[in-house]
């Protein structure tokens, strides 16, 4: 394992990003059922404008923001 900036660190980041993207999509599907079906494909880009992030916070909190 190389954790000083090598390949293993890049692989770990990729796996974590992929895992969190799946988790976000799982929760956002609850919010998007009533709206047009959307899908987060790039976590960093798709949460950047804040709309999807607010939707995620609404789903997790159960409140409307």
N, C-alpha and C. Protein backbone atom coordinates (compact mmCIF):
# COMPACT_ATOMS: atom_id res chain seq x y z
N UNK A 1 0.84 -1.18 0.00
CA UNK A 1 0.00 0.00 0.00
C UNK A 1 0.88 1.24 0.00
N UNK A 2 0.56 2.16 -0.87
CA UNK A 2 1.29 3.41 -0.97
C UNK A 2 0.33 4.53 -0.59
N UNK A 3 0.58 5.19 0.53
CA UNK A 3 -0.31 6.26 0.97
C UNK A 3 0.36 7.62 0.94
N UNK A 4 1.45 7.76 0.27
CA UNK A 4 2.14 9.04 0.21
C UNK A 4 1.83 9.82 -1.05
N UNK A 5 0.85 9.46 -1.80
CA UNK A 5 0.53 10.15 -3.04
C UNK A 5 0.64 9.24 -4.23
N UNK A 6 0.73 7.95 -3.99
CA UNK A 6 0.88 7.00 -5.09
C UNK A 6 -0.44 6.49 -5.60
N UNK A 7 -0.37 5.39 -6.28
CA UNK A 7 -1.52 4.78 -6.94
C UNK A 7 -2.59 4.35 -5.95
N UNK A 8 -2.19 3.79 -4.81
CA UNK A 8 -3.17 3.29 -3.85
C UNK A 8 -4.04 4.42 -3.31
N UNK A 9 -3.47 5.59 -3.11
CA UNK A 9 -4.23 6.73 -2.62
C UNK A 9 -5.25 7.18 -3.67
N UNK A 10 -4.85 7.22 -4.93
CA UNK A 10 -5.77 7.57 -6.01
C UNK A 10 -6.89 6.55 -6.12
N UNK A 11 -6.56 5.28 -5.97
CA UNK A 11 -7.57 4.22 -6.04
C UNK A 11 -8.55 4.35 -4.88
N UNK A 12 -8.04 4.64 -3.70
CA UNK A 12 -8.91 4.80 -2.53
C UNK A 12 -9.86 5.97 -2.73
N UNK A 13 -9.37 7.08 -3.24
CA UNK A 13 -10.21 8.24 -3.52
C UNK A 13 -11.29 7.90 -4.54
N UNK A 14 -10.92 7.17 -5.59
CA UNK A 14 -11.88 6.79 -6.63
C UNK A 14 -12.97 5.91 -6.05
N UNK A 15 -12.59 4.94 -5.21
CA UNK A 15 -13.57 4.03 -4.61
C UNK A 15 -14.49 4.79 -3.66
N UNK A 16 -13.94 5.69 -2.87
CA UNK A 16 -14.77 6.47 -1.94
C UNK A 16 -15.75 7.36 -2.70
N UNK A 17 -15.29 7.99 -3.77
CA UNK A 17 -16.16 8.85 -4.58
C UNK A 17 -17.29 8.02 -5.20
N UNK A 18 -16.96 6.86 -5.72
CA UNK A 18 -17.96 5.98 -6.34
C UNK A 18 -18.98 5.51 -5.30
N UNK A 19 -18.50 5.13 -4.13
CA UNK A 19 -19.37 4.65 -3.06
C UNK A 19 -20.31 5.76 -2.58
N UNK A 20 -19.78 6.96 -2.36
CA UNK A 20 -20.60 8.06 -1.89
C UNK A 20 -21.60 8.49 -2.96
N UNK A 21 -21.21 8.43 -4.23
CA UNK A 21 -22.13 8.76 -5.32
C UNK A 21 -23.32 7.81 -5.32
N UNK A 22 -23.07 6.52 -5.12
CA UNK A 22 -24.16 5.54 -5.04
C UNK A 22 -25.07 5.83 -3.85
N UNK A 23 -24.47 6.19 -2.72
CA UNK A 23 -25.23 6.50 -1.51
C UNK A 23 -26.12 7.73 -1.73
N UNK A 24 -25.57 8.76 -2.37
CA UNK A 24 -26.33 9.97 -2.65
C UNK A 24 -27.49 9.65 -3.59
N UNK A 25 -27.24 8.90 -4.65
CA UNK A 25 -28.30 8.54 -5.59
C UNK A 25 -29.40 7.74 -4.91
N UNK A 26 -29.03 6.85 -4.01
CA UNK A 26 -30.01 6.04 -3.28
C UNK A 26 -30.96 6.93 -2.49
N UNK A 27 -30.43 7.95 -1.86
CA UNK A 27 -31.27 8.85 -1.07
C UNK A 27 -32.03 9.85 -1.94
N UNK A 28 -31.41 10.35 -2.99
CA UNK A 28 -32.07 11.34 -3.83
C UNK A 28 -33.21 10.76 -4.65
N UNK A 29 -33.18 9.47 -4.93
CA UNK A 29 -34.28 8.85 -5.69
C UNK A 29 -35.60 9.04 -4.95
N UNK A 30 -35.56 9.10 -3.63
CA UNK A 30 -36.76 9.34 -2.83
C UNK A 30 -37.33 10.72 -3.12
N UNK A 31 -36.46 11.69 -3.26
CA UNK A 31 -36.87 13.07 -3.50
C UNK A 31 -37.31 13.27 -4.95
N UNK A 32 -36.65 12.61 -5.87
CA UNK A 32 -36.89 12.84 -7.28
C UNK A 32 -38.05 12.04 -7.85
N UNK A 33 -38.65 11.16 -7.08
CA UNK A 33 -39.77 10.38 -7.62
C UNK A 33 -40.88 11.29 -8.10
N UNK A 34 -41.13 12.36 -7.34
CA UNK A 34 -42.20 13.27 -7.72
C UNK A 34 -41.78 14.20 -8.86
N UNK A 35 -40.51 14.35 -9.05
CA UNK A 35 -39.98 15.23 -10.09
C UNK A 35 -39.43 14.40 -11.25
N UNK A 36 -38.81 15.07 -12.18
CA UNK A 36 -38.15 14.36 -13.28
C UNK A 36 -37.01 13.51 -12.71
N UNK A 37 -36.88 12.33 -13.23
CA UNK A 37 -35.83 11.42 -12.77
C UNK A 37 -34.46 11.95 -13.16
N UNK A 38 -33.60 12.12 -12.17
CA UNK A 38 -32.24 12.59 -12.42
C UNK A 38 -31.27 11.60 -11.80
N UNK A 39 -30.02 11.74 -12.16
CA UNK A 39 -29.00 10.80 -11.69
C UNK A 39 -27.69 11.56 -11.49
N UNK A 40 -27.06 11.37 -10.34
CA UNK A 40 -25.75 11.95 -10.08
C UNK A 40 -24.72 11.03 -10.70
N UNK A 41 -23.94 11.55 -11.63
CA UNK A 41 -22.90 10.72 -12.24
C UNK A 41 -21.51 11.17 -11.80
N UNK A 42 -21.32 12.48 -11.66
CA UNK A 42 -20.05 13.00 -11.15
C UNK A 42 -20.36 13.78 -9.88
N UNK A 43 -20.01 13.22 -8.77
CA UNK A 43 -20.36 13.78 -7.47
C UNK A 43 -19.92 15.24 -7.34
N UNK A 44 -18.71 15.54 -7.72
CA UNK A 44 -18.18 16.89 -7.55
C UNK A 44 -18.90 17.90 -8.45
N UNK A 45 -19.14 17.55 -9.69
CA UNK A 45 -19.79 18.46 -10.62
C UNK A 45 -21.29 18.59 -10.34
N UNK A 46 -21.94 17.48 -10.04
CA UNK A 46 -23.40 17.49 -9.89
C UNK A 46 -23.87 18.10 -8.58
N UNK A 47 -23.00 18.23 -7.59
CA UNK A 47 -23.37 18.90 -6.34
C UNK A 47 -22.87 20.34 -6.31
N UNK A 48 -22.13 20.74 -7.31
CA UNK A 48 -21.47 22.04 -7.32
C UNK A 48 -22.43 23.22 -7.25
N UNK A 49 -23.55 23.19 -7.98
CA UNK A 49 -24.44 24.36 -8.01
C UNK A 49 -25.32 24.46 -6.77
N UNK A 50 -25.38 23.41 -5.97
CA UNK A 50 -26.11 23.45 -4.71
C UNK A 50 -27.52 22.90 -4.77
N UNK A 51 -28.12 22.79 -5.95
CA UNK A 51 -29.50 22.31 -6.04
C UNK A 51 -29.62 20.85 -5.59
N UNK A 52 -28.74 20.02 -6.09
CA UNK A 52 -28.78 18.61 -5.69
C UNK A 52 -28.39 18.43 -4.23
N UNK A 53 -27.49 19.27 -3.76
CA UNK A 53 -27.08 19.21 -2.36
C UNK A 53 -28.24 19.59 -1.44
N UNK A 54 -29.00 20.61 -1.81
CA UNK A 54 -30.18 20.99 -1.03
C UNK A 54 -31.20 19.87 -1.05
N UNK A 55 -31.39 19.23 -2.20
CA UNK A 55 -32.32 18.10 -2.28
C UNK A 55 -31.88 16.98 -1.34
N UNK A 56 -30.58 16.70 -1.30
CA UNK A 56 -30.06 15.67 -0.40
C UNK A 56 -30.32 16.04 1.05
N UNK A 57 -30.06 17.29 1.42
CA UNK A 57 -30.31 17.73 2.79
C UNK A 57 -31.79 17.63 3.15
N UNK A 58 -32.67 17.94 2.21
CA UNK A 58 -34.11 17.83 2.46
C UNK A 58 -34.51 16.38 2.72
N UNK A 59 -33.98 15.48 1.92
CA UNK A 59 -34.29 14.06 2.10
C UNK A 59 -33.79 13.56 3.44
N UNK A 60 -32.56 13.90 3.78
CA UNK A 60 -31.96 13.40 5.02
C UNK A 60 -32.60 14.01 6.26
N UNK A 61 -33.01 15.28 6.18
CA UNK A 61 -33.58 15.95 7.35
C UNK A 61 -35.09 15.78 7.45
N UNK A 62 -35.74 15.52 6.32
CA UNK A 62 -37.19 15.42 6.32
C UNK A 62 -37.88 16.78 6.30
N UNK A 63 -37.11 17.85 6.17
CA UNK A 63 -37.65 19.21 6.13
C UNK A 63 -37.44 19.81 4.75
N UNK A 64 -38.28 20.80 4.43
CA UNK A 64 -38.12 21.52 3.18
C UNK A 64 -37.27 22.75 3.43
N UNK A 65 -36.28 22.95 2.59
CA UNK A 65 -35.39 24.11 2.75
C UNK A 65 -35.69 25.17 1.73
